[in-house]
PDB file of N, CA and C in Angstrom:
ATOM      1  N   MET A   1      27.870  20.266 -37.172  1.00  0.00           N
ATOM      2  CA  MET A   1      26.854  21.121 -36.237  1.00  0.00           C
ATOM      3  C   MET A   1      28.026  21.224 -34.941  1.00  0.00           C
ATOM      4  N   HIS A   2      27.456  22.463 -34.066  1.00  0.00           N
ATOM      5  CA  HIS A   2      28.660  23.199 -33.243  1.00  0.00           C
ATOM      6  C   HIS A   2      28.279  22.580 -31.918  1.00  0.00           C
ATOM      7  N   VAL A   3      29.322  22.357 -31.128  1.00  0.00           N
ATOM      8  CA  VAL A   3      29.621  21.952 -30.062  1.00  0.00           C
ATOM      9  C   VAL A   3      28.152  22.158 -29.166  1.00  0.00           C
ATOM     10  N   PRO A   4      28.122  23.915 -29.073  1.00  0.00           N
ATOM     11  CA  PRO A   4      26.874  24.193 -28.043  1.00  0.00           C
ATOM     12  C   PRO A   4      25.489  23.321 -28.350  1.00  0.00           C
ATOM     13  N   GLN A   5      25.329  22.975 -30.092  1.00  0.00           N
ATOM     14  CA  GLN A   5      24.074  22.282 -30.377  1.00  0.00           C
ATOM     15  C   GLN A   5      23.838  20.882 -29.907  1.00  0.00           C
ATOM     16  N   ARG A   6      25.194  20.197 -29.895  1.00  0.00           N
ATOM     17  CA  ARG A   6      25.487  19.084 -29.499  1.00  0.00           C
ATOM     18  C   ARG A   6      25.108  18.674 -28.005  1.00  0.00           C
ATOM     19  N   ARG A   7      25.603  19.605 -27.289  1.00  0.00           N
ATOM     20  CA  ARG A   7      25.118  19.890 -25.949  1.00  0.00           C
ATOM     21  C   ARG A   7      23.883  19.867 -25.474  1.00  0.00           C
ATOM     22  N   LYS A   8      22.805  20.877 -26.166  1.00  0.00           N
ATOM     23  CA  LYS A   8      21.519  21.177 -25.976  1.00  0.00           C
ATOM     24  C   LYS A   8      21.154  19.992 -26.430  1.00  0.00           C
ATOM     25  N   ILE A   9      20.970  19.139 -27.523  1.00  0.00           N
ATOM     26  CA  ILE A   9      20.349  17.959 -27.828  1.00  0.00           C
ATOM     27  C   ILE A   9      20.863  16.926 -26.942  1.00  0.00           C
ATOM     28  N   ALA A  10      22.046  16.846 -26.539  1.00  0.00           N
ATOM     29  CA  ALA A  10      22.284  15.860 -25.470  1.00  0.00           C
ATOM     30  C   ALA A  10      21.843  16.073 -24.141  1.00  0.00           C
ATOM     31  N   SER A  11      21.444  17.266 -23.786  1.00  0.00           N
ATOM     32  CA  SER A  11      21.015  17.400 -22.617  1.00  0.00           C
ATOM     33  C   SER A  11      19.512  17.167 -22.602  1.00  0.00           C
ATOM     34  N   ARG A  12      18.604  17.574 -23.872  1.00  0.00           N
ATOM     35  CA  ARG A  12      17.595  16.984 -24.017  1.00  0.00           C
ATOM     36  C   ARG A  12      17.315  15.386 -24.076  1.00  0.00           C
ATOM     37  N   LEU A  13      17.963  14.779 -24.590  1.00  0.00           N
ATOM     38  CA  LEU A  13      18.171  13.445 -24.980  1.00  0.00           C
ATOM     39  C   LEU A  13      18.198  12.633 -23.106  1.00  0.00           C
ATOM     40  N   ALA A  14      19.266  13.450 -22.418  1.00  0.00           N
ATOM     41  CA  ALA A  14      19.519  12.979 -21.422  1.00  0.00           C
ATOM     42  C   ALA A  14      18.207  13.154 -20.413  1.00  0.00           C
ATOM     43  N   GLU A  15      17.242  14.391 -20.452  1.00  0.00           N
ATOM     44  CA  GLU A  15      16.175  14.942 -20.011  1.00  0.00           C
ATOM     45  C   GLU A  15      14.795  13.796 -20.306  1.00  0.00           C
ATOM     46  N   ALA A  16      14.946  13.382 -21.493  1.00  0.00           N
ATOM     47  CA  ALA A  16      13.712  12.705 -21.968  1.00  0.00           C
ATOM     48  C   ALA A  16      14.215  11.176 -21.517  1.00  0.00           C
ATOM     49  N   LEU A  17      15.401  10.767 -21.396  1.00  0.00           N
ATOM     50  CA  LEU A  17      15.726   9.531 -20.633  1.00  0.00           C
ATOM     51  C   LEU A  17      14.928   9.275 -19.179  1.00  0.00           C
ATOM     52  N   ARG A  18      15.516  10.480 -18.765  1.00  0.00           N
ATOM     53  CA  ARG A  18      15.184  10.299 -16.999  1.00  0.00           C
ATOM     54  C   ARG A  18      13.487  10.428 -16.865  1.00  0.00           C
ATOM     55  N   TYR A  19      12.851  11.069 -17.851  1.00  0.00           N
ATOM     56  CA  TYR A  19      11.274  11.053 -17.710  1.00  0.00           C
ATOM     57  C   TYR A  19      10.932   9.551 -18.169  1.00  0.00           C
ATOM     58  N   LEU A  20      11.435   8.825 -19.091  1.00  0.00           N
ATOM     59  CA  LEU A  20      11.075   7.857 -19.360  1.00  0.00           C
ATOM     60  C   LEU A  20      11.398   6.895 -18.333  1.00  0.00           C
ATOM     61  N   GLN A  21      12.550   6.665 -17.947  1.00  0.00           N
ATOM     62  CA  GLN A  21      12.992   5.928 -16.496  1.00  0.00           C
ATOM     63  C   GLN A  21      11.640   6.166 -15.388  1.00  0.00           C
ATOM     64  N   ARG A  22      11.772   7.465 -15.010  1.00  0.00           N
ATOM     65  CA  ARG A  22      10.441   7.791 -13.854  1.00  0.00           C
ATOM     66  C   ARG A  22       9.004   7.101 -14.184  1.00  0.00           C
ATOM     67  N   GLU A  23       8.553   7.086 -15.673  1.00  0.00           N
ATOM     68  CA  GLU A  23       7.678   6.600 -15.999  1.00  0.00           C
ATOM     69  C   GLU A  23       7.504   5.161 -15.978  1.00  0.00           C
ATOM     70  N   ALA A  24       8.883   4.603 -16.442  1.00  0.00           N
ATOM     71  CA  ALA A  24       8.735   3.182 -16.213  1.00  0.00           C
ATOM     72  C   ALA A  24       8.816   2.403 -15.099  1.00  0.00           C
ATOM     73  N   ARG A  25       9.605   3.267 -13.889  1.00  0.00           N
ATOM     74  CA  ARG A  25       9.643   3.044 -12.601  1.00  0.00           C
ATOM     75  C   ARG A  25       8.192   3.001 -12.089  1.00  0.00           C
ATOM     76  N   ALA A  26       7.400   4.131 -12.232  1.00  0.00           N
ATOM     77  CA  ALA A  26       5.864   4.167 -11.709  1.00  0.00           C
ATOM     78  C   ALA A  26       5.217   3.276 -12.601  1.00  0.00           C
ATOM     79  N   ALA A  27       5.099   3.103 -13.778  1.00  0.00           N
ATOM     80  CA  ALA A  27       4.484   1.729 -14.147  1.00  0.00           C
ATOM     81  C   ALA A  27       4.531   0.656 -13.442  1.00  0.00           C
ATOM     82  N   ALA A  28       5.976   0.214 -13.560  1.00  0.00           N
ATOM     83  CA  ALA A  28       6.376  -1.301 -12.169  1.00  0.00           C
ATOM     84  C   ALA A  28       5.783  -1.156 -11.187  1.00  0.00           C
ATOM     85  N   LEU A  29       5.946   0.097 -10.378  1.00  0.00           N
ATOM     86  CA  LEU A  29       5.266   0.039  -9.272  1.00  0.00           C
ATOM     87  C   LEU A  29       3.818   0.212  -9.012  1.00  0.00           C
ATOM     88  N   ASP A  30       3.124   0.386 -10.211  1.00  0.00           N
ATOM     89  CA  ASP A  30       1.634   0.395 -10.225  1.00  0.00           C
ATOM     90  C   ASP A  30       1.234  -1.305 -10.666  1.00  0.00           C
ATOM     91  N   GLU A  31       1.987  -1.730 -11.359  1.00  0.00           N
ATOM     92  CA  GLU A  31       1.608  -3.617 -11.537  1.00  0.00           C
ATOM     93  C   GLU A  31       2.081  -3.907 -10.340  1.00  0.00           C
ATOM     94  N   VAL A  32       3.103  -4.104  -9.391  1.00  0.00           N
ATOM     95  CA  VAL A  32       3.148  -4.317  -8.441  1.00  0.00           C
ATOM     96  C   VAL A  32       2.021  -4.130  -7.023  1.00  0.00           C
ATOM     97  N   ALA A  33       1.666  -2.758  -6.955  1.00  0.00           N
ATOM     98  CA  ALA A  33       0.523  -2.637  -6.022  1.00  0.00           C
ATOM     99  C   ALA A  33      -0.637  -3.665  -6.719  1.00  0.00           C
ATOM    100  N   ALA A  34      -0.959  -3.456  -8.156  1.00  0.00           N
ATOM    101  CA  ALA A  34      -1.986  -4.352  -8.453  1.00  0.00           C
ATOM    102  C   ALA A  34      -1.921  -5.854  -8.234  1.00  0.00           C
ATOM    103  N   ALA A  35      -0.974  -6.214  -8.432  1.00  0.00           N
ATOM    104  CA  ALA A  35      -0.534  -7.573  -7.968  1.00  0.00           C
ATOM    105  C   ALA A  35      -0.628  -7.997  -6.601  1.00  0.00           C
ATOM    106  N   LEU A  36      -0.444  -7.195  -5.837  1.00  0.00           N
ATOM    107  CA  LEU A  36      -0.329  -7.346  -4.146  1.00  0.00           C
ATOM    108  C   LEU A  36      -1.963  -7.026  -4.074  1.00  0.00           C
ATOM    109  N   ALA A  37      -2.737  -6.261  -4.552  1.00  0.00           N
ATOM    110  CA  ALA A  37      -4.041  -6.018  -4.165  1.00  0.00           C
ATOM    111  C   ALA A  37      -4.890  -7.256  -4.824  1.00  0.00           C
ATOM    112  N   HIS A  38      -4.409  -7.956  -5.767  1.00  0.00           N
ATOM    113  CA  HIS A  38      -5.083  -8.911  -6.544  1.00  0.00           C
ATOM    114  C   HIS A  38      -5.037 -10.169  -5.660  1.00  0.00           C
ATOM    115  N   ALA A  39      -3.462 -10.523  -5.440  1.00  0.00           N
ATOM    116  CA  ALA A  39      -2.971 -11.650  -4.045  1.00  0.00           C
ATOM    117  C   ALA A  39      -4.121 -11.636  -2.805  1.00  0.00           C
ATOM    118  N   GLU A  40      -4.101 -10.352  -2.237  1.00  0.00           N
ATOM    119  CA  GLU A  40      -4.951 -10.126  -0.880  1.00  0.00           C
ATOM    120  C   GLU A  40      -6.561 -10.436  -1.607  1.00  0.00           C
ATOM    121  N   ARG A  41      -7.036  -9.992  -2.218  1.00  0.00           N
ATOM    122  CA  ARG A  41      -8.263 -10.568  -2.652  1.00  0.00           C
ATOM    123  C   ARG A  41      -8.595 -11.858  -2.748  1.00  0.00           C
ATOM    124  N   SER A  42      -7.488 -12.396  -3.585  1.00  0.00           N
ATOM    125  CA  SER A  42      -7.812 -13.765  -3.863  1.00  0.00           C
ATOM    126  C   SER A  42      -7.431 -14.667  -2.408  1.00  0.00           C
ATOM    127  N   ALA A  43      -6.530 -14.221  -1.539  1.00  0.00           N
ATOM    128  CA  ALA A  43      -6.632 -14.759  -0.408  1.00  0.00           C
ATOM    129  C   ALA A  43      -7.429 -14.498   0.685  1.00  0.00           C
ATOM    130  N   GLY A  44      -8.325 -14.106   0.415  1.00  0.00           N
ATOM    131  CA  GLY A  44      -9.743 -13.534   1.162  1.00  0.00           C
ATOM    132  C   GLY A  44      -9.130 -12.761   2.326  1.00  0.00           C
ATOM    133  N   GLY A  45      -8.156 -11.676   2.029  1.00  0.00           N
ATOM    134  CA  GLY A  45      -7.594 -10.971   2.991  1.00  0.00           C
ATOM    135  C   GLY A  45      -6.499 -11.469   4.218  1.00  0.00           C
ATOM    136  N   ALA A  46      -6.085 -12.763   3.787  1.00  0.00           N
ATOM    137  CA  ALA A  46      -5.044 -13.663   4.684  1.00  0.00           C
ATOM    138  C   ALA A  46      -3.724 -12.881   4.768  1.00  0.00           C
ATOM    139  N   CYS A  47      -3.549 -11.596   3.621  1.00  0.00           N
ATOM    140  CA  CYS A  47      -2.231 -11.190   3.730  1.00  0.00           C
ATOM    141  C   CYS A  47      -2.391 -10.030   4.821  1.00  0.00           C
ATOM    142  N   ARG A  48      -3.396  -9.756   5.512  1.00  0.00           N
ATOM    143  CA  ARG A  48      -3.321  -8.675   6.278  1.00  0.00           C
ATOM    144  C   ARG A  48      -2.713  -8.678   7.402  1.00  0.00           C
ATOM    145  N   PRO A  49      -1.901  -7.753   8.099  1.00  0.00           N
ATOM    146  CA  PRO A  49      -1.110  -7.911   9.381  1.00  0.00           C
ATOM    147  C   PRO A  49      -1.823  -8.478  10.274  1.00  0.00           C
ATOM    148  N   ASP A  50      -3.210  -8.175  10.532  1.00  0.00           N
ATOM    149  CA  ASP A  50      -3.807  -8.444  11.598  1.00  0.00           C
ATOM    150  C   ASP A  50      -4.607 -10.012  11.730  1.00  0.00           C
ATOM    151  N   ALA A  51      -4.502 -10.470  10.246  1.00  0.00           N
ATOM    152  CA  ALA A  51      -5.102 -12.135   9.975  1.00  0.00           C
ATOM    153  C   ALA A  51      -4.169 -12.999  10.876  1.00  0.00           C
ATOM    154  N   GLY A  52      -3.114 -12.538  11.443  1.00  0.00           N
ATOM    155  CA  GLY A  52      -2.293 -13.670  12.141  1.00  0.00           C
ATOM    156  C   GLY A  52      -1.295 -13.953  11.122  1.00  0.00           C
ATOM    157  N   ALA A  53      -0.141 -14.639  11.570  1.00  0.00           N
ATOM    158  CA  ALA A  53       1.055 -14.847  10.823  1.00  0.00           C
ATOM    159  C   ALA A  53       0.935 -16.213  10.376  1.00  0.00           C
ATOM    160  N   SER A  54       1.443 -16.400   9.018  1.00  0.00           N
ATOM    161  CA  SER A  54       1.521 -17.641   8.357  1.00  0.00           C
ATOM    162  C   SER A  54       2.512 -17.952   7.837  1.00  0.00           C
ATOM    163  N   ILE A  55       2.938 -19.125   7.164  1.00  0.00           N
ATOM    164  CA  ILE A  55       4.218 -19.344   6.428  1.00  0.00           C
ATOM    165  C   ILE A  55       4.417 -18.585   5.581  1.00  0.00           C
ATOM    166  N   ASP A  56       3.434 -17.966   4.585  1.00  0.00           N
ATOM    167  CA  ASP A  56       3.489 -17.680   3.337  1.00  0.00           C
ATOM    168  C   ASP A  56       3.391 -15.831   3.808  1.00  0.00           C
ATOM    169  N   HIS A  57       3.192 -15.522   4.627  1.00  0.00           N
ATOM    170  CA  HIS A  57       3.305 -13.783   5.348  1.00  0.00           C
ATOM    171  C   HIS A  57       4.564 -13.540   5.572  1.00  0.00           C
ATOM    172  N   PRO A  58       4.991 -12.414   4.705  1.00  0.00           N
ATOM    173  CA  PRO A  58       6.374 -11.866   4.841  1.00  0.00           C
ATOM    174  C   PRO A  58       6.821 -11.587   6.186  1.00  0.00           C
ATOM    175  N   GLY A  59       6.277 -11.264   7.054  1.00  0.00           N
ATOM    176  CA  GLY A  59       6.328 -11.085   8.629  1.00  0.00           C
ATOM    177  C   GLY A  59       6.282 -12.270   9.405  1.00  0.00           C
ATOM    178  N   ALA A  60       6.207 -13.593   9.148  1.00  0.00           N
ATOM    179  CA  ALA A  60       5.623 -14.428   9.743  1.00  0.00           C
ATOM    180  C   ALA A  60       7.434 -14.945  10.362  1.00  0.00           C
ATOM    181  N   ALA A  61       7.298 -15.343  11.790  1.00  0.00           N
ATOM    182  CA  ALA A  61       8.494 -15.680  12.131  1.00  0.00           C
ATOM    183  C   ALA A  61       8.934 -17.077  11.539  1.00  0.00           C
ATOM    184  N   PRO A  62      10.297 -17.472  11.517  1.00  0.00           N
ATOM    185  CA  PRO A  62      10.746 -18.642  10.933  1.00  0.00           C
ATOM    186  C   PRO A  62      10.431 -19.968  11.548  1.00  0.00           C
ATOM    187  N   ALA A  63      10.250 -20.866  10.814  1.00  0.00           N
ATOM    188  CA  ALA A  63       9.837 -22.050  11.309  1.00  0.00           C
ATOM    189  C   ALA A  63      10.983 -22.669  12.632  1.00  0.00           C
ATOM    190  N   PRO A  64      10.574 -23.102  13.401  1.00  0.00           N
ATOM    191  CA  PRO A  64      11.550 -23.571  14.172  1.00  0.00           C
ATOM    192  C   PRO A  64      12.650 -24.480  13.623  1.00  0.00           C
ATOM    193  N   VAL A  65      13.448 -24.725  14.322  1.00  0.00           N
ATOM    194  CA  VAL A  65      14.701 -25.545  13.656  1.00  0.00           C
ATOM    195  C   VAL A  65      14.582 -26.950  13.278  1.00  0.00           C
ATOM    196  N   SER A  66      13.946 -27.549  14.429  1.00  0.00           N
ATOM    197  CA  SER A  66      13.556 -28.836  14.267  1.00  0.00           C
ATOM    198  C   SER A  66      12.621 -29.137  12.707  1.00  0.00           C
ATOM    199  N   ASP A  67      11.675 -28.192  12.751  1.00  0.00           N
ATOM    200  CA  ASP A  67      10.703 -28.218  11.658  1.00  0.00           C
ATOM    201  C   ASP A  67      11.340 -28.031  10.123  1.00  0.00           C
ATOM    202  N   ARG A  68      12.099 -27.132   9.891  1.00  0.00           N
ATOM    203  CA  ARG A  68      13.459 -26.848   8.977  1.00  0.00           C
ATOM    204  C   ARG A  68      14.151 -28.300   8.542  1.00  0.00           C
ATOM    205  N   ALA A  69      14.406 -29.152   9.560  1.00  0.00           N
ATOM    206  CA  ALA A  69      15.181 -30.118   9.308  1.00  0.00           C
ATOM    207  C   ALA A  69      14.352 -31.227   8.671  1.00  0.00           C
ATOM    208  N   LYS A  70      12.929 -31.137   8.906  1.00  0.00           N
ATOM    209  CA  LYS A  70      12.119 -32.316   8.250  1.00  0.00           C
ATOM    210  C   LYS A  70      11.609 -31.797   6.809  1.00  0.00           C
ATOM    211  N   ARG A  71      11.827 -30.663   6.433  1.00  0.00           N
ATOM    212  CA  ARG A  71      11.183 -30.314   5.096  1.00  0.00           C
ATOM    213  C   ARG A  71      12.235 -31.103   4.058  1.00  0.00           C
ATOM    214  N   PRO A  72      11.489 -31.389   3.038  1.00  0.00           N
ATOM    215  CA  PRO A  72      12.791 -31.696   1.849  1.00  0.00           C
ATOM    216  C   PRO A  72      13.081 -30.618   1.122  1.00  0.00           C
ATOM    217  N   SER A  73      14.423 -30.787   0.251  1.00  0.00           N
ATOM    218  CA  SER A  73      15.090 -29.698  -0.204  1.00  0.00           C
ATOM    219  C   SER A  73      14.875 -29.506  -1.746  1.00  0.00           C
TER     220      SER A  73
END
């Protein structure tokens, strides 16, 4: 097999790999979005930003230092 043919094949394989990586990334993002939507439905909407901060909410303020010291590790 000549060098130009190998380069063409390598180029096509690289293109196919990039395509598969994009598809895998998109599928993973779809799974995460579905899981988040399910969690929000299961929580009854408690994950909404306007529902008030809670311990499980990522945007919640950290617990005061005195409360953190009381928690078992």
